[in-house]
Amino acid sequence: MNEKKKYNFNKLLKEFISGNLIHGELIIKNVSFILFIVFLCTIFIAIRNYNEKIIRENATLQKDVEELKTELLFLKASLTNCLRKSEINKQIKNYELNFSINNTPPKIVIVKCQK
């Protein structure tokens, strides 16, 4: 049995080296299997390319999110600065509005009910 395997391997090796194996009946017998393998490889390559595209888009979106977060922080800081009392007073003076600026804090009025 061992000699038969050795003989088949030697015969297969000789046919492969001579080129008869590639053009021979082994390829013809397995054409459907070879086409199936080629189909699977094509699907694998397409899926890999699609995943790479998604990864690139994800990285771009991550950069955009970081830029928008930075812009948000800047806008919050500038809005906070604009809402300060001193900035409001400057704007009133710049536009020459006739508002009086009251520096005294508001007073609490308590009304007692009589029965």
C-alpha atoms as a PDB file:
ATOM      1  CA  MET A   1       0.000   0.000   0.000  1.00  0.00           C
ATOM      2  CA  ASN A   2       2.846   2.375   0.849  1.00  0.00           C
ATOM      3  CA  GLU A   3       4.501   1.695  -2.522  1.00  0.00           C
ATOM      4  CA  LYS A   4       1.259   2.519  -4.331  1.00  0.00           C
ATOM      5  CA  LYS A   5       1.051   5.931  -2.584  1.00  0.00           C
ATOM      6  CA  LYS A   6       4.694   6.578  -3.366  1.00  0.00           C
ATOM      7  CA  TYR A   7       4.109   5.606  -6.984  1.00  0.00           C
ATOM      8  CA  ASN A   8       1.052   7.901  -7.257  1.00  0.00           C
ATOM      9  CA  PHE A   9       2.965  10.786  -5.705  1.00  0.00           C
ATOM     10  CA  ASN A  10       5.928  10.267  -8.028  1.00  0.00           C
ATOM     11  CA  LYS A  11       3.602  10.029 -11.022  1.00  0.00           C
ATOM     12  CA  LEU A  12       1.764  13.186  -9.934  1.00  0.00           C
ATOM     13  CA  LEU A  13       5.033  15.038  -9.411  1.00  0.00           C
ATOM     14  CA  LYS A  14       6.343  14.024 -12.846  1.00  0.00           C
ATOM     15  CA  GLU A  15       3.104  15.119 -14.521  1.00  0.00           C
ATOM     16  CA  PHE A  16       3.179  18.442 -12.677  1.00  0.00           C
ATOM     17  CA  ILE A  17       6.765  19.157 -13.695  1.00  0.00           C
ATOM     18  CA  SER A  18       6.150  18.171 -17.296  1.00  0.00           C
ATOM     19  CA  GLY A  19       2.990  20.317 -17.506  1.00  0.00           C
ATOM     20  CA  ASN A  20       0.671  17.462 -18.361  1.00  0.00           C
ATOM     21  CA  LEU A  21      -1.120  17.788 -15.023  1.00  0.00           C
ATOM     22  CA  ILE A  22      -2.229  21.346 -15.726  1.00  0.00           C
ATOM     23  CA  HIS A  23      -3.587  20.514 -19.169  1.00  0.00           C
ATOM     24  CA  GLY A  24      -4.661  17.059 -18.229  1.00  0.00           C
ATOM     25  CA  GLU A  25      -7.807  15.476 -17.011  1.00  0.00           C
ATOM     26  CA  LEU A  26      -7.384  16.657 -13.378  1.00  0.00           C
ATOM     27  CA  ILE A  27      -8.290  20.229 -14.346  1.00  0.00           C
ATOM     28  CA  ILE A  28     -11.113  19.132 -16.618  1.00  0.00           C
ATOM     29  CA  LYS A  29     -12.643  16.964 -13.904  1.00  0.00           C
ATOM     30  CA  ASN A  30     -12.593  19.793 -11.362  1.00  0.00           C
ATOM     31  CA  VAL A  31     -13.668  22.784 -13.480  1.00  0.00           C
ATOM     32  CA  SER A  32     -16.810  23.369 -11.410  1.00  0.00           C
ATOM     33  CA  PHE A  33     -14.830  23.301  -8.167  1.00  0.00           C
ATOM     34  CA  ILE A  34     -12.194  25.672  -9.567  1.00  0.00           C
ATOM     35  CA  LEU A  35     -14.897  28.093 -10.719  1.00  0.00           C
ATOM     36  CA  PHE A  36     -16.475  27.915  -7.266  1.00  0.00           C
ATOM     37  CA  ILE A  37     -13.122  28.780  -5.648  1.00  0.00           C
ATOM     38  CA  VAL A  38     -12.659  31.707  -8.072  1.00  0.00           C
ATOM     39  CA  PHE A  39     -16.184  32.925  -7.232  1.00  0.00           C
ATOM     40  CA  LEU A  40     -15.450  32.767  -3.495  1.00  0.00           C
ATOM     41  CA  CYS A  41     -12.188  34.678  -3.963  1.00  0.00           C
ATOM     42  CA  THR A  42     -14.005  37.368  -5.950  1.00  0.00           C
ATOM     43  CA  ILE A  43     -16.634  37.719  -3.218  1.00  0.00           C
ATOM     44  CA  PHE A  44     -13.908  37.900  -0.569  1.00  0.00           C
ATOM     45  CA  ILE A  45     -12.080  40.684  -2.427  1.00  0.00           C
ATOM     46  CA  ALA A  46     -15.314  42.657  -2.930  1.00  0.00           C
ATOM     47  CA  ILE A  47     -16.218  42.420   0.757  1.00  0.00           C
ATOM     48  CA  ARG A  48     -12.716  43.495   1.788  1.00  0.00           C
ATOM     49  CA  ASN A  49     -12.856  46.546  -0.486  1.00  0.00           C
ATOM     50  CA  TYR A  50     -16.296  47.482   0.832  1.00  0.00           C
ATOM     51  CA  ASN A  51     -15.076  47.225   4.439  1.00  0.00           C
ATOM     52  CA  GLU A  52     -12.031  49.384   3.685  1.00  0.00           C
ATOM     53  CA  LYS A  53     -14.320  52.017   2.168  1.00  0.00           C
ATOM     54  CA  ILE A  54     -16.499  52.024   5.289  1.00  0.00           C
ATOM     55  CA  ILE A  55     -13.443  52.312   7.534  1.00  0.00           C
ATOM     56  CA  ARG A  56     -12.184  55.332   5.530  1.00  0.00           C
ATOM     57  CA  GLU A  57     -15.605  56.999   5.756  1.00  0.00           C
ATOM     58  CA  ASN A  58     -15.715  56.303   9.484  1.00  0.00           C
ATOM     59  CA  ALA A  59     -12.324  57.957   9.987  1.00  0.00           C
ATOM     60  CA  THR A  60     -13.458  61.004   8.001  1.00  0.00           C
ATOM     61  CA  LEU A  61     -16.622  61.272  10.072  1.00  0.00           C
ATOM     62  CA  GLN A  62     -14.621  60.992  13.292  1.00  0.00           C
ATOM     63  CA  LYS A  63     -12.459  63.944  12.183  1.00  0.00           C
ATOM     64  CA  ASP A  64     -15.584  65.943  11.350  1.00  0.00           C
ATOM     65  CA  VAL A  65     -17.062  65.211  14.774  1.00  0.00           C
ATOM     66  CA  GLU A  66     -13.878  66.399  16.487  1.00  0.00           C
ATOM     67  CA  GLU A  67     -13.910  69.623  14.447  1.00  0.00           C
ATOM     68  CA  LEU A  68     -17.562  70.230  15.310  1.00  0.00           C
ATOM     69  CA  LYS A  69     -16.880  69.643  19.012  1.00  0.00           C
ATOM     70  CA  THR A  70     -14.094  72.212  18.881  1.00  0.00           C
ATOM     71  CA  GLU A  71     -16.360  74.699  17.119  1.00  0.00           C
ATOM     72  CA  LEU A  72     -19.084  74.079  19.714  1.00  0.00           C
ATOM     73  CA  LEU A  73     -16.708  74.854  22.574  1.00  0.00           C
ATOM     74  CA  PHE A  74     -15.564  78.045  20.839  1.00  0.00           C
ATOM     75  CA  LEU A  75     -19.152  79.198  20.265  1.00  0.00           C
ATOM     76  CA  LYS A  76     -20.123  78.452  23.868  1.00  0.00           C
ATOM     77  CA  ALA A  77     -17.185  80.469  25.144  1.00  0.00           C
ATOM     78  CA  SER A  78     -17.966  83.432  22.887  1.00  0.00           C
ATOM     79  CA  LEU A  79     -21.670  83.328  23.837  1.00  0.00           C
ATOM     80  CA  THR A  80     -20.776  83.250  27.524  1.00  0.00           C
ATOM     81  CA  ASN A  81     -18.512  86.223  26.974  1.00  0.00           C
ATOM     82  CA  CYS A  82     -21.275  88.145  25.151  1.00  0.00           C
ATOM     83  CA  LEU A  83     -23.767  87.543  27.957  1.00  0.00           C
ATOM     84  CA  ARG A  84     -21.612  89.097  30.659  1.00  0.00           C
ATOM     85  CA  LYS A  85     -23.010  92.235  32.205  1.00  0.00           C
ATOM     86  CA  SER A  86     -20.006  94.326  31.218  1.00  0.00           C
ATOM     87  CA  GLU A  87     -20.308  93.235  27.575  1.00  0.00           C
ATOM     88  CA  ILE A  88     -24.010  94.056  27.560  1.00  0.00           C
ATOM     89  CA  ASN A  89     -23.216  97.506  28.952  1.00  0.00           C
ATOM     90  CA  LYS A  90     -20.643  98.050  26.185  1.00  0.00           C
ATOM     91  CA  GLN A  91     -23.170  97.084  23.526  1.00  0.00           C
ATOM     92  CA  ILE A  92     -25.766  99.448  24.988  1.00  0.00           C
ATOM     93  CA  LYS A  93     -23.238 102.280  24.860  1.00  0.00           C
ATOM     94  CA  ASN A  94     -22.110 101.386  21.322  1.00  0.00           C
ATOM     95  CA  TYR A  95     -25.629 101.433  19.911  1.00  0.00           C
ATOM     96  CA  GLU A  96     -26.539 104.533  21.980  1.00  0.00           C
ATOM     97  CA  LEU A  97     -29.653 102.978  23.411  1.00  0.00           C
ATOM     98  CA  ASN A  98     -31.562 104.907  26.067  1.00  0.00           C
ATOM     99  CA  PHE A  99     -31.460 102.263  28.718  1.00  0.00           C
ATOM    100  CA  SER A 100     -30.476 103.008  32.240  1.00  0.00           C
ATOM    101  CA  ILE A 101     -28.094 100.571  33.818  1.00  0.00           C
ATOM    102  CA  ASN A 102     -29.128  99.659  37.314  1.00  0.00           C
ATOM    103  CA  ASN A 103     -26.273  98.509  39.529  1.00  0.00           C
ATOM    104  CA  THR A 104     -28.377  97.890  42.637  1.00  0.00           C
ATOM    105  CA  PRO A 105     -29.622  94.362  43.165  1.00  0.00           C
ATOM    106  CA  PRO A 106     -33.338  93.727  42.965  1.00  0.00           C
ATOM    107  CA  LYS A 107     -35.369  93.951  46.171  1.00  0.00           C
ATOM    108  CA  ILE A 108     -37.740  91.267  47.328  1.00  0.00           C
ATOM    109  CA  VAL A 109     -41.243  92.509  48.047  1.00  0.00           C
ATOM    110  CA  ILE A 110     -43.235  90.502  50.553  1.00  0.00           C
ATOM    111  CA  VAL A 111     -46.952  91.140  50.713  1.00  0.00           C
ATOM    112  CA  LYS A 112     -48.777  90.040  53.824  1.00  0.00           C
ATOM    113  CA  CYS A 113     -52.351  89.061  53.434  1.00  0.00           C
ATOM    114  CA  GLN A 114     -54.853  90.393  55.925  1.00  0.00           C
ATOM    115  CA  LYS A 115     -57.718  88.236  57.038  1.00  0.00           C
END
